[in-house]
Amino acid sequence: MITCSDLHGRPSYINPDLLIGIEITPDTQLVFVNGHRLFVSETPEEIVERIVAFRIRTGVAARPPAWLSEIAPTGDGKD
């Protein structure tokens, strides 16, 4: 989970795996897979930095996604 603040300064914890985008209108909006939107006071750059830190903390950044091995050659000469 990452933290962000709504426009009134109240903290929210969000699951970055459920985000599909960040929009600037001029406030920052987080767009979720279910269509919900959350206005936050952080900049898109701050949100991205928090997501990257979350991925590093949880080890997700250290391994490629499972689907990649299904479509990408492994480089071992067997493909």
N, C-alpha and C. Protein backbone atom coordinates (compact mmCIF):
# COMPACT_ATOMS: atom_id res chain seq x y z
N MET A 1 0.84 -1.17 0.00
CA MET A 1 0.00 0.00 0.00
C MET A 1 0.89 1.25 0.00
N ILE A 2 0.37 2.28 -0.62
CA ILE A 2 1.05 3.57 -0.57
C ILE A 2 0.09 4.58 0.05
N THR A 3 0.65 5.64 0.58
CA THR A 3 -0.18 6.68 1.18
C THR A 3 -0.25 7.88 0.25
N CYS A 4 -1.38 8.54 0.30
CA CYS A 4 -1.57 9.81 -0.39
C CYS A 4 -2.62 10.58 0.39
N SER A 5 -2.76 11.86 0.08
CA SER A 5 -3.71 12.71 0.80
C SER A 5 -4.76 13.24 -0.15
N ASP A 6 -6.01 13.25 0.32
CA ASP A 6 -7.04 13.86 -0.51
C ASP A 6 -6.87 15.38 -0.49
N LEU A 7 -7.72 16.10 -1.17
CA LEU A 7 -7.55 17.54 -1.29
C LEU A 7 -7.77 18.28 0.02
N HIS A 8 -8.33 17.60 1.03
CA HIS A 8 -8.52 18.20 2.35
C HIS A 8 -7.41 17.81 3.32
N GLY A 9 -6.42 17.04 2.81
CA GLY A 9 -5.29 16.65 3.64
C GLY A 9 -5.49 15.36 4.41
N ARG A 10 -6.62 14.69 4.21
CA ARG A 10 -6.87 13.42 4.91
C ARG A 10 -6.09 12.30 4.22
N PRO A 11 -5.37 11.49 5.00
CA PRO A 11 -4.57 10.43 4.38
C PRO A 11 -5.44 9.28 3.88
N SER A 12 -4.99 8.66 2.80
CA SER A 12 -5.62 7.47 2.24
C SER A 12 -4.53 6.46 1.93
N TYR A 13 -4.84 5.22 2.09
CA TYR A 13 -3.94 4.14 1.71
C TYR A 13 -4.55 3.47 0.49
N ILE A 14 -3.74 3.36 -0.56
CA ILE A 14 -4.25 2.75 -1.79
C ILE A 14 -3.34 1.61 -2.23
N ASN A 15 -3.94 0.69 -2.95
CA ASN A 15 -3.21 -0.43 -3.53
C ASN A 15 -2.79 -0.02 -4.94
N PRO A 16 -1.51 0.17 -5.18
CA PRO A 16 -1.08 0.64 -6.51
C PRO A 16 -1.33 -0.38 -7.62
N ASP A 17 -1.57 -1.65 -7.27
CA ASP A 17 -1.87 -2.65 -8.28
C ASP A 17 -3.24 -2.41 -8.91
N LEU A 18 -4.08 -1.60 -8.26
CA LEU A 18 -5.41 -1.33 -8.78
C LEU A 18 -5.48 -0.04 -9.59
N LEU A 19 -4.36 0.64 -9.74
CA LEU A 19 -4.33 1.87 -10.53
C LEU A 19 -4.15 1.56 -12.00
N ILE A 20 -4.90 2.29 -12.84
CA ILE A 20 -4.65 2.16 -14.28
C ILE A 20 -4.11 3.45 -14.86
N GLY A 21 -4.16 4.53 -14.08
CA GLY A 21 -3.61 5.77 -14.61
C GLY A 21 -3.65 6.90 -13.61
N ILE A 22 -2.94 7.96 -13.98
CA ILE A 22 -2.92 9.20 -13.20
C ILE A 22 -3.24 10.32 -14.18
N GLU A 23 -4.24 11.14 -13.85
CA GLU A 23 -4.62 12.24 -14.71
C GLU A 23 -4.39 13.56 -13.99
N ILE A 24 -4.10 14.59 -14.76
CA ILE A 24 -3.91 15.93 -14.21
C ILE A 24 -4.99 16.82 -14.83
N THR A 25 -5.90 17.36 -13.98
CA THR A 25 -7.05 18.09 -14.53
C THR A 25 -7.46 19.35 -13.78
N PRO A 26 -6.80 20.29 -13.28
CA PRO A 26 -5.38 20.41 -13.00
C PRO A 26 -4.99 19.67 -11.73
N ASP A 27 -5.97 19.22 -10.92
CA ASP A 27 -5.61 18.42 -9.75
C ASP A 27 -5.22 17.01 -10.20
N THR A 28 -4.48 16.33 -9.36
CA THR A 28 -4.07 14.96 -9.67
C THR A 28 -5.20 14.01 -9.33
N GLN A 29 -5.58 13.18 -10.31
CA GLN A 29 -6.61 12.16 -10.10
C GLN A 29 -5.99 10.79 -10.28
N LEU A 30 -6.25 9.90 -9.35
CA LEU A 30 -5.86 8.51 -9.51
C LEU A 30 -7.06 7.77 -10.09
N VAL A 31 -6.85 7.01 -11.15
CA VAL A 31 -7.91 6.28 -11.82
C VAL A 31 -7.70 4.79 -11.54
N PHE A 32 -8.75 4.15 -11.00
CA PHE A 32 -8.65 2.75 -10.61
C PHE A 32 -9.32 1.84 -11.63
N VAL A 33 -9.01 0.56 -11.57
CA VAL A 33 -9.53 -0.42 -12.53
C VAL A 33 -11.06 -0.51 -12.49
N ASN A 34 -11.66 -0.20 -11.35
CA ASN A 34 -13.11 -0.28 -11.25
C ASN A 34 -13.81 1.00 -11.69
N GLY A 35 -13.03 1.98 -12.18
CA GLY A 35 -13.60 3.23 -12.67
C GLY A 35 -13.64 4.35 -11.64
N HIS A 36 -13.39 4.03 -10.39
CA HIS A 36 -13.39 5.07 -9.37
C HIS A 36 -12.19 5.99 -9.57
N ARG A 37 -12.36 7.21 -9.10
CA ARG A 37 -11.30 8.21 -9.18
C ARG A 37 -11.11 8.82 -7.81
N LEU A 38 -9.87 9.16 -7.52
CA LEU A 38 -9.56 9.79 -6.25
C LEU A 38 -8.68 11.00 -6.52
N PHE A 39 -9.15 12.18 -6.10
CA PHE A 39 -8.33 13.39 -6.21
C PHE A 39 -7.35 13.40 -5.06
N VAL A 40 -6.08 13.66 -5.36
CA VAL A 40 -5.06 13.69 -4.32
C VAL A 40 -4.25 14.98 -4.44
N SER A 41 -3.60 15.35 -3.34
CA SER A 41 -2.83 16.59 -3.33
C SER A 41 -1.40 16.41 -3.84
N GLU A 42 -0.93 15.16 -3.94
CA GLU A 42 0.42 14.89 -4.43
C GLU A 42 0.49 15.08 -5.95
N THR A 43 1.69 15.34 -6.42
CA THR A 43 1.91 15.44 -7.86
C THR A 43 2.00 14.03 -8.45
N PRO A 44 1.79 13.90 -9.75
CA PRO A 44 1.96 12.58 -10.37
C PRO A 44 3.36 12.01 -10.13
N GLU A 45 4.37 12.87 -10.14
CA GLU A 45 5.74 12.40 -9.91
C GLU A 45 5.90 11.81 -8.52
N GLU A 46 5.27 12.43 -7.52
CA GLU A 46 5.34 11.89 -6.15
C GLU A 46 4.65 10.54 -6.07
N ILE A 47 3.51 10.41 -6.73
CA ILE A 47 2.78 9.13 -6.72
C ILE A 47 3.63 8.04 -7.38
N VAL A 48 4.23 8.37 -8.52
CA VAL A 48 5.07 7.39 -9.22
C VAL A 48 6.26 6.99 -8.35
N GLU A 49 6.89 7.95 -7.68
CA GLU A 49 8.01 7.62 -6.79
C GLU A 49 7.57 6.67 -5.68
N ARG A 50 6.39 6.89 -5.13
CA ARG A 50 5.88 6.01 -4.06
C ARG A 50 5.57 4.62 -4.59
N ILE A 51 5.06 4.55 -5.81
CA ILE A 51 4.77 3.24 -6.40
C ILE A 51 6.07 2.49 -6.65
N VAL A 52 7.08 3.16 -7.18
CA VAL A 52 8.37 2.52 -7.42
C VAL A 52 8.97 2.04 -6.10
N ALA A 53 8.91 2.87 -5.05
CA ALA A 53 9.43 2.47 -3.74
C ALA A 53 8.66 1.26 -3.20
N PHE A 54 7.34 1.24 -3.42
CA PHE A 54 6.51 0.10 -3.00
C PHE A 54 6.95 -1.17 -3.72
N ARG A 55 7.17 -1.07 -5.03
CA ARG A 55 7.58 -2.24 -5.82
C ARG A 55 8.95 -2.75 -5.36
N ILE A 56 9.86 -1.85 -5.06
CA ILE A 56 11.18 -2.26 -4.57
C ILE A 56 11.06 -2.92 -3.21
N ARG A 57 10.24 -2.32 -2.32
CA ARG A 57 10.05 -2.88 -0.97
C ARG A 57 9.46 -4.27 -1.00
N THR A 58 8.53 -4.50 -1.91
CA THR A 58 7.84 -5.79 -1.96
C THR A 58 8.51 -6.80 -2.87
N GLY A 59 9.58 -6.38 -3.56
CA GLY A 59 10.30 -7.29 -4.42
C GLY A 59 9.70 -7.49 -5.79
N VAL A 60 8.62 -6.81 -6.11
CA VAL A 60 7.99 -6.97 -7.41
C VAL A 60 8.89 -6.45 -8.51
N ALA A 61 9.67 -5.41 -8.22
CA ALA A 61 10.55 -4.83 -9.23
C ALA A 61 11.73 -5.75 -9.54
N ALA A 62 11.99 -6.73 -8.69
CA ALA A 62 13.17 -7.57 -8.85
C ALA A 62 12.94 -8.75 -9.79
N ARG A 63 11.71 -9.02 -10.13
CA ARG A 63 11.46 -10.17 -11.01
C ARG A 63 10.51 -9.75 -12.14
N PRO A 64 10.71 -10.34 -13.31
CA PRO A 64 9.84 -9.99 -14.43
C PRO A 64 8.45 -10.60 -14.22
N PRO A 65 7.44 -10.04 -14.85
CA PRO A 65 6.10 -10.60 -14.71
C PRO A 65 6.05 -12.01 -15.31
N ALA A 66 5.18 -12.85 -14.78
CA ALA A 66 5.10 -14.24 -15.20
C ALA A 66 4.76 -14.38 -16.68
N TRP A 67 3.92 -13.50 -17.20
CA TRP A 67 3.52 -13.61 -18.60
C TRP A 67 4.68 -13.36 -19.55
N LEU A 68 5.71 -12.66 -19.11
CA LEU A 68 6.83 -12.34 -19.98
C LEU A 68 7.57 -13.60 -20.43
N SER A 69 7.71 -14.56 -19.55
CA SER A 69 8.43 -15.78 -19.91
C SER A 69 7.66 -16.60 -20.95
N GLU A 70 6.37 -16.37 -21.07
CA GLU A 70 5.56 -17.10 -22.04
C GLU A 70 5.75 -16.56 -23.46
N ILE A 71 6.11 -15.28 -23.58
CA ILE A 71 6.21 -14.68 -24.92
C ILE A 71 7.63 -14.32 -25.31
N ALA A 72 8.52 -14.20 -24.34
CA ALA A 72 9.90 -13.76 -24.64
C ALA A 72 10.83 -14.96 -24.68
N PRO A 73 11.75 -14.98 -25.62
CA PRO A 73 12.73 -16.07 -25.63
C PRO A 73 13.63 -16.01 -24.40
N THR A 74 14.07 -17.16 -23.94
CA THR A 74 14.87 -17.23 -22.73
C THR A 74 16.35 -17.00 -22.99
N GLY A 75 16.78 -17.10 -24.23
CA GLY A 75 18.18 -16.90 -24.55
C GLY A 75 19.04 -18.13 -24.34
N ASP A 76 18.42 -19.29 -24.07
CA ASP A 76 19.20 -20.50 -23.82
C ASP A 76 19.37 -21.35 -25.10
N GLY A 77 18.93 -20.82 -26.24
CA GLY A 77 19.08 -21.54 -27.50
C GLY A 77 18.00 -22.55 -27.77
N LYS A 78 17.06 -22.72 -26.89
CA LYS A 78 15.99 -23.70 -27.07
C LYS A 78 14.77 -23.11 -27.74
N ASP A 79 14.78 -21.80 -27.98
CA ASP A 79 13.61 -21.14 -28.58
C ASP A 79 13.70 -21.11 -30.08
